[in-house]
Amino acid sequence: VLMSEASEADVAPMSEVREVGDASAGKRREFAQNFVRSTSAMMLGPLCWIGNKLELFRHLADHPEGVNYEEFAEVTNCNSRYLQEWLHAMTCAKWVDYDATTKKFTLPIEHQEFLVRREGNVLFAADCFNAFRIFNEAAPKYLNCFQNGGGLSLKEIHPEIGEAVEGFTGTSQKYRAVDVVKQFLP
């Protein structure tokens, strides 16, 4: 089960879980479900980064009537086959809706605040995927620190780290600062 919420049925082999040592079958089953959910979420991260970078979420938001594969490829100027896989992953993750009758995909309005950059939108958070990408790329460097001690400067982590952290925190911090200042104005 890729990119979807795991249920007990999704973790079929867990139905045969036996107690091992002092670990109960219930705890093992619970961990297995959490493991599937977590690994699915990790796999979704790069696709979300692509969606943010190519503004795929915005393109979906711009078409509330929905788009099929070909229409989406036309408005995004991206490869239809890759968009198809991206839309399937986003649908399985319940980030994008699919209407089987019209065969069209839509981005629910409730999701748009988090995924589409708009002026004054304090909930926009999709830039976090760039930070996740950068930290994942730096994992081998962190491994060395774990093994040998030491640390990494921001430049050693990644040349784009400053931009990534700003994207991750900048929007919300910018508007929080405005709200704080407004409190002190007459």
N, C-alpha and C. Protein backbone atom coordinates (compact mmCIF):
# COMPACT_ATOMS: atom_id res chain seq x y z
N VAL A 1 0.87 -1.17 0.00
CA VAL A 1 0.00 0.00 0.00
C VAL A 1 0.90 1.21 0.00
N LEU A 2 0.99 1.85 -1.13
CA LEU A 2 1.87 2.99 -1.29
C LEU A 2 1.06 4.26 -1.16
N MET A 3 1.55 5.18 -0.33
CA MET A 3 1.01 6.52 -0.20
C MET A 3 -0.40 6.56 0.39
N SER A 4 -0.88 5.52 1.00
CA SER A 4 -2.21 5.60 1.59
C SER A 4 -2.12 5.28 3.07
N GLU A 5 -3.19 5.60 3.76
CA GLU A 5 -3.19 5.30 5.18
C GLU A 5 -3.28 3.79 5.35
N ALA A 6 -2.45 3.26 6.20
CA ALA A 6 -2.45 1.82 6.44
C ALA A 6 -3.54 1.46 7.42
N SER A 7 -4.19 0.37 7.15
CA SER A 7 -5.16 -0.18 8.09
C SER A 7 -4.69 -1.59 8.41
N GLU A 8 -5.37 -2.24 9.31
CA GLU A 8 -4.96 -3.61 9.64
C GLU A 8 -4.97 -4.50 8.41
N ALA A 9 -5.93 -4.26 7.51
CA ALA A 9 -6.02 -5.09 6.30
C ALA A 9 -4.83 -4.85 5.38
N ASP A 10 -4.27 -3.63 5.40
CA ASP A 10 -3.13 -3.32 4.55
C ASP A 10 -1.88 -4.08 4.97
N VAL A 11 -1.79 -4.44 6.22
CA VAL A 11 -0.62 -5.12 6.76
C VAL A 11 -1.01 -6.58 6.97
N ALA A 12 -1.31 -7.25 5.86
CA ALA A 12 -1.83 -8.61 5.91
C ALA A 12 -0.98 -9.58 6.71
N PRO A 13 0.35 -9.61 6.53
CA PRO A 13 1.14 -10.58 7.28
C PRO A 13 1.03 -10.40 8.80
N MET A 14 0.61 -9.25 9.23
CA MET A 14 0.51 -9.00 10.67
C MET A 14 -0.60 -9.82 11.32
N SER A 15 -1.51 -10.38 10.50
CA SER A 15 -2.57 -11.20 11.07
C SER A 15 -2.00 -12.48 11.68
N GLU A 16 -0.79 -12.82 11.31
CA GLU A 16 -0.14 -14.01 11.83
C GLU A 16 0.92 -13.70 12.88
N VAL A 17 0.88 -12.48 13.41
CA VAL A 17 1.89 -12.06 14.38
C VAL A 17 1.78 -12.91 15.64
N ARG A 18 2.92 -13.40 16.07
CA ARG A 18 2.99 -14.15 17.32
C ARG A 18 3.75 -13.31 18.33
N GLU A 19 3.53 -13.57 19.57
CA GLU A 19 4.30 -12.84 20.58
C GLU A 19 5.75 -13.25 20.50
N VAL A 20 6.62 -12.28 20.52
CA VAL A 20 8.05 -12.52 20.47
C VAL A 20 8.64 -11.86 21.71
N GLY A 21 9.26 -12.65 22.54
CA GLY A 21 9.80 -12.10 23.78
C GLY A 21 8.66 -11.48 24.57
N ASP A 22 8.87 -10.22 25.00
CA ASP A 22 7.82 -9.58 25.77
C ASP A 22 7.01 -8.58 24.93
N ALA A 23 7.20 -8.61 23.59
CA ALA A 23 6.45 -7.72 22.72
C ALA A 23 5.13 -8.36 22.34
N SER A 24 4.05 -7.65 22.53
CA SER A 24 2.73 -8.22 22.20
C SER A 24 2.44 -8.09 20.72
N ALA A 25 1.56 -8.95 20.26
CA ALA A 25 1.16 -8.92 18.86
C ALA A 25 0.52 -7.57 18.52
N GLY A 26 -0.24 -7.01 19.43
CA GLY A 26 -0.88 -5.71 19.20
C GLY A 26 0.12 -4.60 18.99
N LYS A 27 1.18 -4.60 19.78
CA LYS A 27 2.21 -3.57 19.63
C LYS A 27 2.94 -3.73 18.31
N ARG A 28 3.21 -4.97 17.92
CA ARG A 28 3.89 -5.21 16.64
C ARG A 28 3.00 -4.77 15.49
N ARG A 29 1.71 -5.09 15.55
CA ARG A 29 0.77 -4.69 14.50
C ARG A 29 0.69 -3.17 14.43
N GLU A 30 0.60 -2.53 15.58
CA GLU A 30 0.54 -1.06 15.62
C GLU A 30 1.80 -0.45 15.00
N PHE A 31 2.96 -1.03 15.34
CA PHE A 31 4.20 -0.51 14.76
C PHE A 31 4.23 -0.74 13.26
N ALA A 32 3.80 -1.90 12.81
CA ALA A 32 3.80 -2.20 11.37
C ALA A 32 2.94 -1.19 10.62
N GLN A 33 1.78 -0.86 11.16
CA GLN A 33 0.91 0.13 10.52
C GLN A 33 1.57 1.50 10.51
N ASN A 34 2.18 1.87 11.61
CA ASN A 34 2.88 3.15 11.68
C ASN A 34 4.06 3.18 10.71
N PHE A 35 4.76 2.05 10.60
CA PHE A 35 5.88 1.94 9.68
C PHE A 35 5.43 2.18 8.23
N VAL A 36 4.33 1.56 7.85
CA VAL A 36 3.80 1.73 6.49
C VAL A 36 3.39 3.18 6.26
N ARG A 37 2.69 3.80 7.21
CA ARG A 37 2.28 5.20 7.08
C ARG A 37 3.50 6.11 6.97
N SER A 38 4.49 5.87 7.81
CA SER A 38 5.68 6.73 7.82
C SER A 38 6.49 6.61 6.54
N THR A 39 6.71 5.39 6.08
CA THR A 39 7.49 5.22 4.85
C THR A 39 6.72 5.78 3.65
N SER A 40 5.42 5.64 3.65
CA SER A 40 4.61 6.23 2.57
C SER A 40 4.75 7.75 2.59
N ALA A 41 4.72 8.35 3.76
CA ALA A 41 4.87 9.81 3.87
C ALA A 41 6.25 10.24 3.39
N MET A 42 7.28 9.47 3.73
CA MET A 42 8.63 9.83 3.27
C MET A 42 8.72 9.78 1.75
N MET A 43 8.05 8.82 1.14
CA MET A 43 8.08 8.71 -0.31
C MET A 43 7.30 9.85 -0.96
N LEU A 44 6.32 10.38 -0.27
CA LEU A 44 5.51 11.47 -0.78
C LEU A 44 6.29 12.79 -0.82
N GLY A 45 7.25 12.96 0.07
CA GLY A 45 8.00 14.21 0.18
C GLY A 45 8.60 14.71 -1.11
N PRO A 46 9.38 13.89 -1.84
CA PRO A 46 9.95 14.37 -3.10
C PRO A 46 8.88 14.76 -4.12
N LEU A 47 7.77 14.03 -4.14
CA LEU A 47 6.70 14.38 -5.06
C LEU A 47 6.06 15.71 -4.69
N CYS A 48 5.95 15.99 -3.40
CA CYS A 48 5.42 17.28 -2.96
C CYS A 48 6.38 18.41 -3.31
N TRP A 49 7.67 18.15 -3.19
CA TRP A 49 8.67 19.15 -3.59
C TRP A 49 8.50 19.47 -5.08
N ILE A 50 8.34 18.43 -5.91
CA ILE A 50 8.13 18.62 -7.34
C ILE A 50 6.85 19.42 -7.57
N GLY A 51 5.79 19.06 -6.85
CA GLY A 51 4.52 19.77 -6.99
C GLY A 51 4.62 21.24 -6.64
N ASN A 52 5.40 21.55 -5.62
CA ASN A 52 5.59 22.94 -5.22
C ASN A 52 6.49 23.66 -6.23
N LYS A 53 7.59 23.04 -6.59
CA LYS A 53 8.56 23.65 -7.49
C LYS A 53 7.96 23.95 -8.87
N LEU A 54 7.15 23.03 -9.38
CA LEU A 54 6.52 23.21 -10.69
C LEU A 54 5.15 23.89 -10.60
N GLU A 55 4.77 24.28 -9.39
CA GLU A 55 3.48 24.93 -9.12
C GLU A 55 2.29 24.07 -9.56
N LEU A 56 2.43 22.76 -9.41
CA LEU A 56 1.34 21.86 -9.80
C LEU A 56 0.12 22.05 -8.90
N PHE A 57 0.35 22.33 -7.62
CA PHE A 57 -0.77 22.58 -6.71
C PHE A 57 -1.52 23.84 -7.14
N ARG A 58 -0.78 24.88 -7.51
CA ARG A 58 -1.42 26.13 -7.94
C ARG A 58 -2.22 25.91 -9.22
N HIS A 59 -1.66 25.13 -10.15
CA HIS A 59 -2.37 24.86 -11.40
C HIS A 59 -3.69 24.12 -11.11
N LEU A 60 -3.65 23.19 -10.18
CA LEU A 60 -4.90 22.51 -9.81
C LEU A 60 -5.88 23.49 -9.18
N ALA A 61 -5.38 24.34 -8.30
CA ALA A 61 -6.24 25.33 -7.64
C ALA A 61 -6.86 26.29 -8.66
N ASP A 62 -6.12 26.59 -9.71
CA ASP A 62 -6.62 27.49 -10.75
C ASP A 62 -7.72 26.87 -11.61
N HIS A 63 -7.93 25.57 -11.44
CA HIS A 63 -8.95 24.86 -12.23
C HIS A 63 -9.91 24.12 -11.28
N PRO A 64 -10.77 24.87 -10.59
CA PRO A 64 -11.67 24.24 -9.62
C PRO A 64 -12.64 23.24 -10.25
N GLU A 65 -12.84 23.35 -11.57
CA GLU A 65 -13.71 22.40 -12.27
C GLU A 65 -13.01 21.05 -12.45
N GLY A 66 -11.71 21.02 -12.22
CA GLY A 66 -10.93 19.80 -12.34
C GLY A 66 -10.24 19.69 -13.69
N VAL A 67 -9.24 18.84 -13.74
CA VAL A 67 -8.49 18.59 -14.97
C VAL A 67 -8.26 17.09 -15.12
N ASN A 68 -8.22 16.63 -16.37
CA ASN A 68 -7.80 15.25 -16.62
C ASN A 68 -6.31 15.28 -16.93
N TYR A 69 -5.74 14.13 -17.24
CA TYR A 69 -4.29 14.06 -17.47
C TYR A 69 -3.83 15.00 -18.58
N GLU A 70 -4.52 14.94 -19.71
CA GLU A 70 -4.09 15.74 -20.86
C GLU A 70 -4.22 17.23 -20.59
N GLU A 71 -5.34 17.62 -19.97
CA GLU A 71 -5.53 19.04 -19.65
C GLU A 71 -4.46 19.53 -18.68
N PHE A 72 -4.14 18.70 -17.72
CA PHE A 72 -3.14 19.08 -16.74
C PHE A 72 -1.77 19.22 -17.40
N ALA A 73 -1.45 18.32 -18.31
CA ALA A 73 -0.17 18.40 -19.03
C ALA A 73 -0.12 19.68 -19.85
N GLU A 74 -1.23 20.05 -20.45
CA GLU A 74 -1.26 21.25 -21.27
C GLU A 74 -1.07 22.52 -20.43
N VAL A 75 -1.78 22.62 -19.30
CA VAL A 75 -1.68 23.85 -18.50
C VAL A 75 -0.36 23.94 -17.73
N THR A 76 0.27 22.81 -17.45
CA THR A 76 1.53 22.84 -16.69
C THR A 76 2.76 22.79 -17.59
N ASN A 77 2.55 22.40 -18.85
CA ASN A 77 3.66 22.22 -19.78
C ASN A 77 4.63 21.15 -19.27
N CYS A 78 4.06 20.10 -18.68
CA CYS A 78 4.85 18.97 -18.17
C CYS A 78 4.43 17.69 -18.87
N ASN A 79 5.22 16.65 -18.70
CA ASN A 79 4.99 15.36 -19.31
C ASN A 79 3.76 14.68 -18.71
N SER A 80 2.82 14.29 -19.56
CA SER A 80 1.56 13.70 -19.11
C SER A 80 1.77 12.43 -18.29
N ARG A 81 2.69 11.59 -18.72
CA ARG A 81 2.92 10.31 -18.01
C ARG A 81 3.40 10.55 -16.58
N TYR A 82 4.32 11.49 -16.39
CA TYR A 82 4.80 11.78 -15.05
C TYR A 82 3.71 12.46 -14.22
N LEU A 83 2.94 13.32 -14.85
CA LEU A 83 1.83 13.97 -14.13
C LEU A 83 0.80 12.95 -13.68
N GLN A 84 0.57 11.94 -14.51
CA GLN A 84 -0.38 10.88 -14.15
C GLN A 84 0.07 10.21 -12.85
N GLU A 85 1.33 9.84 -12.77
CA GLU A 85 1.84 9.20 -11.55
C GLU A 85 1.76 10.16 -10.36
N TRP A 86 2.09 11.43 -10.59
CA TRP A 86 2.04 12.43 -9.53
C TRP A 86 0.60 12.58 -9.02
N LEU A 87 -0.34 12.68 -9.94
CA LEU A 87 -1.75 12.81 -9.54
C LEU A 87 -2.23 11.57 -8.79
N HIS A 88 -1.82 10.39 -9.21
CA HIS A 88 -2.21 9.17 -8.51
C HIS A 88 -1.66 9.17 -7.09
N ALA A 89 -0.39 9.54 -6.94
CA ALA A 89 0.22 9.57 -5.60
C ALA A 89 -0.49 10.59 -4.71
N MET A 90 -0.77 11.76 -5.25
CA MET A 90 -1.44 12.81 -4.46
C MET A 90 -2.86 12.39 -4.09
N THR A 91 -3.51 11.64 -4.99
CA THR A 91 -4.86 11.15 -4.71
C THR A 91 -4.83 10.08 -3.62
N CYS A 92 -3.88 9.15 -3.72
CA CYS A 92 -3.76 8.11 -2.70
C CYS A 92 -3.47 8.72 -1.33
N ALA A 93 -2.70 9.80 -1.32
CA ALA A 93 -2.36 10.47 -0.06
C ALA A 93 -3.50 11.35 0.44
N LYS A 94 -4.55 11.47 -0.36
CA LYS A 94 -5.73 12.27 -0.02
C LYS A 94 -5.43 13.76 0.01
N TRP A 95 -4.47 14.18 -0.82
CA TRP A 95 -4.16 15.61 -0.97
C TRP A 95 -4.95 16.18 -2.14
N VAL A 96 -5.23 15.34 -3.14
CA VAL A 96 -5.97 15.71 -4.34
C VAL A 96 -7.17 14.79 -4.43
N ASP A 97 -8.29 15.32 -4.92
CA ASP A 97 -9.50 14.52 -5.10
C ASP A 97 -9.62 14.07 -6.55
N TYR A 98 -10.21 12.89 -6.74
CA TYR A 98 -10.45 12.36 -8.08
C TYR A 98 -11.93 12.02 -8.21
N ASP A 99 -12.54 12.47 -9.28
CA ASP A 99 -13.94 12.15 -9.57
C ASP A 99 -13.96 11.10 -10.67
N ALA A 100 -14.34 9.89 -10.32
CA ALA A 100 -14.33 8.78 -11.28
C ALA A 100 -15.33 8.99 -12.41
N THR A 101 -16.38 9.74 -12.16
CA THR A 101 -17.38 9.99 -13.20
C THR A 101 -16.83 10.91 -14.28
N THR A 102 -16.22 12.01 -13.87
CA THR A 102 -15.68 12.98 -14.84
C THR A 102 -14.24 12.67 -15.22
N LYS A 103 -13.61 11.80 -14.44
CA LYS A 103 -12.19 11.46 -14.62
C LYS A 103 -11.31 12.71 -14.49
N LYS A 104 -11.67 13.56 -13.52
CA LYS A 104 -10.92 14.79 -13.30
C LYS A 104 -10.41 14.88 -11.87
N PHE A 105 -9.29 15.57 -11.74
CA PHE A 105 -8.63 15.77 -10.46
C PHE A 105 -8.83 17.22 -10.01
N THR A 106 -9.03 17.40 -8.71
CA THR A 106 -9.17 18.74 -8.15
C THR A 106 -8.37 18.83 -6.86
N LEU A 107 -7.97 20.05 -6.53
CA LEU A 107 -7.32 20.32 -5.25
C LEU A 107 -8.37 20.94 -4.35
N PRO A 108 -8.78 20.22 -3.30
CA PRO A 108 -9.83 20.76 -2.41
C PRO A 108 -9.45 22.14 -1.88
N ILE A 109 -10.44 23.00 -1.78
CA ILE A 109 -10.21 24.37 -1.31
C ILE A 109 -9.56 24.36 0.07
N GLU A 110 -9.89 23.38 0.90
CA GLU A 110 -9.35 23.29 2.25
C GLU A 110 -7.84 22.99 2.25
N HIS A 111 -7.35 22.44 1.16
CA HIS A 111 -5.92 22.10 1.06
C HIS A 111 -5.11 23.25 0.45
N GLN A 112 -5.79 24.12 -0.26
CA GLN A 112 -5.09 25.14 -1.02
C GLN A 112 -4.31 26.11 -0.14
N GLU A 113 -4.84 26.45 1.02
CA GLU A 113 -4.12 27.38 1.90
C GLU A 113 -2.72 26.89 2.25
N PHE A 114 -2.58 25.59 2.40
CA PHE A 114 -1.30 25.00 2.78
C PHE A 114 -0.36 24.82 1.59
N LEU A 115 -0.92 24.66 0.40
CA LEU A 115 -0.13 24.23 -0.76
C LEU A 115 0.05 25.28 -1.85
N VAL A 116 -0.70 26.37 -1.80
CA VAL A 116 -0.64 27.37 -2.86
C VAL A 116 -0.21 28.71 -2.27
N ARG A 117 0.87 29.24 -2.82
CA ARG A 117 1.41 30.53 -2.35
C ARG A 117 0.50 31.65 -2.84
N ARG A 118 -0.01 32.43 -1.88
CA ARG A 118 -0.80 33.61 -2.20
C ARG A 118 -0.44 34.69 -1.20
N GLU A 119 -0.48 35.93 -1.63
CA GLU A 119 -0.15 37.05 -0.75
C GLU A 119 -1.06 37.03 0.48
N GLY A 120 -0.44 37.16 1.64
CA GLY A 120 -1.18 37.21 2.89
C GLY A 120 -1.57 35.85 3.46
N ASN A 121 -1.23 34.78 2.76
CA ASN A 121 -1.59 33.44 3.22
C ASN A 121 -0.58 32.96 4.26
N VAL A 122 -0.96 32.99 5.52
CA VAL A 122 -0.03 32.60 6.59
C VAL A 122 0.04 31.09 6.77
N LEU A 123 -0.85 30.36 6.14
CA LEU A 123 -0.84 28.90 6.29
C LEU A 123 -0.01 28.19 5.22
N PHE A 124 0.44 28.93 4.19
CA PHE A 124 1.24 28.30 3.13
C PHE A 124 2.46 27.64 3.75
N ALA A 125 2.63 26.36 3.46
CA ALA A 125 3.73 25.61 4.08
C ALA A 125 4.48 24.71 3.10
N ALA A 126 4.13 24.75 1.83
CA ALA A 126 4.71 23.81 0.88
C ALA A 126 6.20 24.02 0.65
N ASP A 127 6.74 25.18 1.00
CA ASP A 127 8.18 25.36 0.85
C ASP A 127 8.98 24.46 1.80
N CYS A 128 8.31 23.89 2.78
CA CYS A 128 9.01 22.98 3.70
C CYS A 128 9.60 21.79 2.95
N PHE A 129 9.01 21.43 1.81
CA PHE A 129 9.50 20.28 1.07
C PHE A 129 10.89 20.52 0.49
N ASN A 130 11.23 21.78 0.21
CA ASN A 130 12.58 22.10 -0.23
C ASN A 130 13.57 21.88 0.91
N ALA A 131 13.19 22.29 2.12
CA ALA A 131 14.06 22.07 3.28
C ALA A 131 14.25 20.57 3.52
N PHE A 132 13.17 19.80 3.40
CA PHE A 132 13.29 18.35 3.59
C PHE A 132 14.22 17.75 2.55
N ARG A 133 14.10 18.20 1.30
CA ARG A 133 14.96 17.70 0.22
C ARG A 133 16.42 17.98 0.55
N ILE A 134 16.69 19.18 0.98
CA ILE A 134 18.07 19.57 1.28
C ILE A 134 18.63 18.78 2.46
N PHE A 135 17.84 18.63 3.51
CA PHE A 135 18.32 17.87 4.66
C PHE A 135 18.53 16.40 4.29
N ASN A 136 17.69 15.86 3.43
CA ASN A 136 17.88 14.48 2.97
C ASN A 136 19.15 14.35 2.14
N GLU A 137 19.42 15.33 1.28
CA GLU A 137 20.64 15.29 0.48
C GLU A 137 21.89 15.36 1.35
N ALA A 138 21.77 16.01 2.51
CA ALA A 138 22.92 16.16 3.40
C ALA A 138 23.09 14.96 4.35
N ALA A 139 22.21 13.97 4.27
CA ALA A 139 22.27 12.84 5.20
C ALA A 139 23.64 12.17 5.27
N PRO A 140 24.35 11.94 4.16
CA PRO A 140 25.68 11.33 4.26
C PRO A 140 26.67 12.19 5.08
N LYS A 141 26.53 13.50 4.99
CA LYS A 141 27.39 14.38 5.78
C LYS A 141 27.06 14.25 7.26
N TYR A 142 25.77 14.15 7.57
CA TYR A 142 25.36 13.96 8.97
C TYR A 142 25.85 12.61 9.49
N LEU A 143 25.82 11.60 8.64
CA LEU A 143 26.31 10.28 9.02
C LEU A 143 27.75 10.37 9.49
N ASN A 144 28.55 11.10 8.76
CA ASN A 144 29.94 11.28 9.16
C ASN A 144 30.04 11.96 10.53
N CYS A 145 29.19 12.94 10.78
CA CYS A 145 29.18 13.61 12.09
C CYS A 145 28.80 12.63 13.19
N PHE A 146 27.83 11.79 12.93
CA PHE A 146 27.42 10.79 13.92
C PHE A 146 28.59 9.86 14.24
N GLN A 147 29.32 9.48 13.23
CA GLN A 147 30.42 8.54 13.42
C GLN A 147 31.66 9.18 14.00
N ASN A 148 31.94 10.42 13.60
CA ASN A 148 33.22 11.03 13.96
C ASN A 148 33.10 12.31 14.79
N GLY A 149 31.89 12.72 15.09
CA GLY A 149 31.70 13.97 15.82
C GLY A 149 31.84 15.16 14.88
N GLY A 150 31.93 16.31 15.47
CA GLY A 150 32.04 17.52 14.66
C GLY A 150 30.68 18.06 14.30
N GLY A 151 30.66 18.91 13.33
CA GLY A 151 29.41 19.53 12.90
C GLY A 151 29.52 20.02 11.48
N LEU A 152 28.49 20.66 11.04
CA LEU A 152 28.43 21.18 9.68
C LEU A 152 28.03 22.65 9.72
N SER A 153 28.72 23.45 8.94
CA SER A 153 28.26 24.83 8.78
C SER A 153 27.08 24.81 7.82
N LEU A 154 26.33 25.89 7.79
CA LEU A 154 25.19 25.94 6.88
C LEU A 154 25.62 25.73 5.43
N LYS A 155 26.75 26.31 5.05
CA LYS A 155 27.24 26.14 3.68
C LYS A 155 27.59 24.68 3.39
N GLU A 156 28.09 23.97 4.41
CA GLU A 156 28.44 22.57 4.20
C GLU A 156 27.19 21.70 4.06
N ILE A 157 26.10 22.10 4.69
CA ILE A 157 24.87 21.32 4.57
C ILE A 157 24.39 21.37 3.13
N HIS A 158 24.23 22.59 2.59
CA HIS A 158 23.78 22.74 1.21
C HIS A 158 23.81 24.21 0.86
N PRO A 159 24.21 24.55 -0.38
CA PRO A 159 24.27 25.96 -0.75
C PRO A 159 22.92 26.69 -0.65
N GLU A 160 21.80 25.95 -0.74
CA GLU A 160 20.48 26.56 -0.70
C GLU A 160 19.83 26.52 0.68
N ILE A 161 20.57 26.16 1.71
CA ILE A 161 19.97 25.96 3.02
C ILE A 161 19.29 27.22 3.56
N GLY A 162 19.90 28.36 3.38
CA GLY A 162 19.29 29.60 3.87
C GLY A 162 17.95 29.87 3.24
N GLU A 163 17.90 29.72 1.93
CA GLU A 163 16.65 29.90 1.19
C GLU A 163 15.60 28.87 1.63
N ALA A 164 16.05 27.64 1.85
CA ALA A 164 15.11 26.58 2.25
C ALA A 164 14.52 26.86 3.63
N VAL A 165 15.36 27.27 4.56
CA VAL A 165 14.87 27.55 5.91
C VAL A 165 13.95 28.77 5.88
N GLU A 166 14.31 29.77 5.10
CA GLU A 166 13.45 30.95 4.95
C GLU A 166 12.09 30.55 4.38
N GLY A 167 12.11 29.68 3.37
CA GLY A 167 10.86 29.21 2.79
C GLY A 167 10.03 28.42 3.77
N PHE A 168 10.70 27.71 4.65
CA PHE A 168 10.02 26.87 5.63
C PHE A 168 9.40 27.71 6.74
N THR A 169 10.05 28.80 7.12
CA THR A 169 9.58 29.59 8.26
C THR A 169 9.19 31.01 7.90
N GLY A 170 9.65 31.50 6.75
CA GLY A 170 9.51 32.91 6.42
C GLY A 170 8.08 33.41 6.33
N THR A 171 7.22 32.68 5.64
CA THR A 171 5.84 33.15 5.45
C THR A 171 5.14 33.31 6.77
N SER A 172 5.19 32.29 7.58
CA SER A 172 4.47 32.36 8.85
C SER A 172 5.09 33.40 9.77
N GLN A 173 6.42 33.49 9.79
CA GLN A 173 7.08 34.46 10.65
C GLN A 173 6.79 35.89 10.22
N LYS A 174 6.77 36.12 8.92
CA LYS A 174 6.50 37.46 8.38
C LYS A 174 5.15 37.97 8.87
N TYR A 175 4.12 37.15 8.76
CA TYR A 175 2.79 37.62 9.14
C TYR A 175 2.59 37.62 10.64
N ARG A 176 3.29 36.77 11.36
CA ARG A 176 3.23 36.83 12.83
C ARG A 176 3.83 38.13 13.31
N ALA A 177 4.93 38.54 12.69
CA ALA A 177 5.58 39.80 13.08
C ALA A 177 4.63 40.97 12.83
N VAL A 178 3.92 40.95 11.71
CA VAL A 178 2.97 42.03 11.41
C VAL A 178 1.89 42.07 12.48
N ASP A 179 1.38 40.92 12.90
CA ASP A 179 0.35 40.87 13.94
C ASP A 179 0.87 41.40 15.26
N VAL A 180 2.11 41.08 15.60
CA VAL A 180 2.70 41.57 16.85
C VAL A 180 2.82 43.08 16.81
N VAL A 181 3.31 43.62 15.70
CA VAL A 181 3.46 45.07 15.58
C VAL A 181 2.10 45.76 15.66
N LYS A 182 1.09 45.19 15.03
CA LYS A 182 -0.25 45.79 15.05
C LYS A 182 -0.79 45.95 16.47
N GLN A 183 -0.40 45.06 17.36
CA GLN A 183 -0.88 45.13 18.75
C GLN A 183 -0.45 46.43 19.42
N PHE A 184 0.67 46.98 18.99
CA PHE A 184 1.21 48.15 19.65
C PHE A 184 0.87 49.47 18.94
N LEU A 185 0.16 49.36 17.81
CA LEU A 185 -0.22 50.56 17.08
C LEU A 185 -1.54 51.11 17.64
N PRO A 186 -1.68 52.44 17.64
CA PRO A 186 -2.94 53.03 18.14
C PRO A 186 -4.11 52.73 17.22
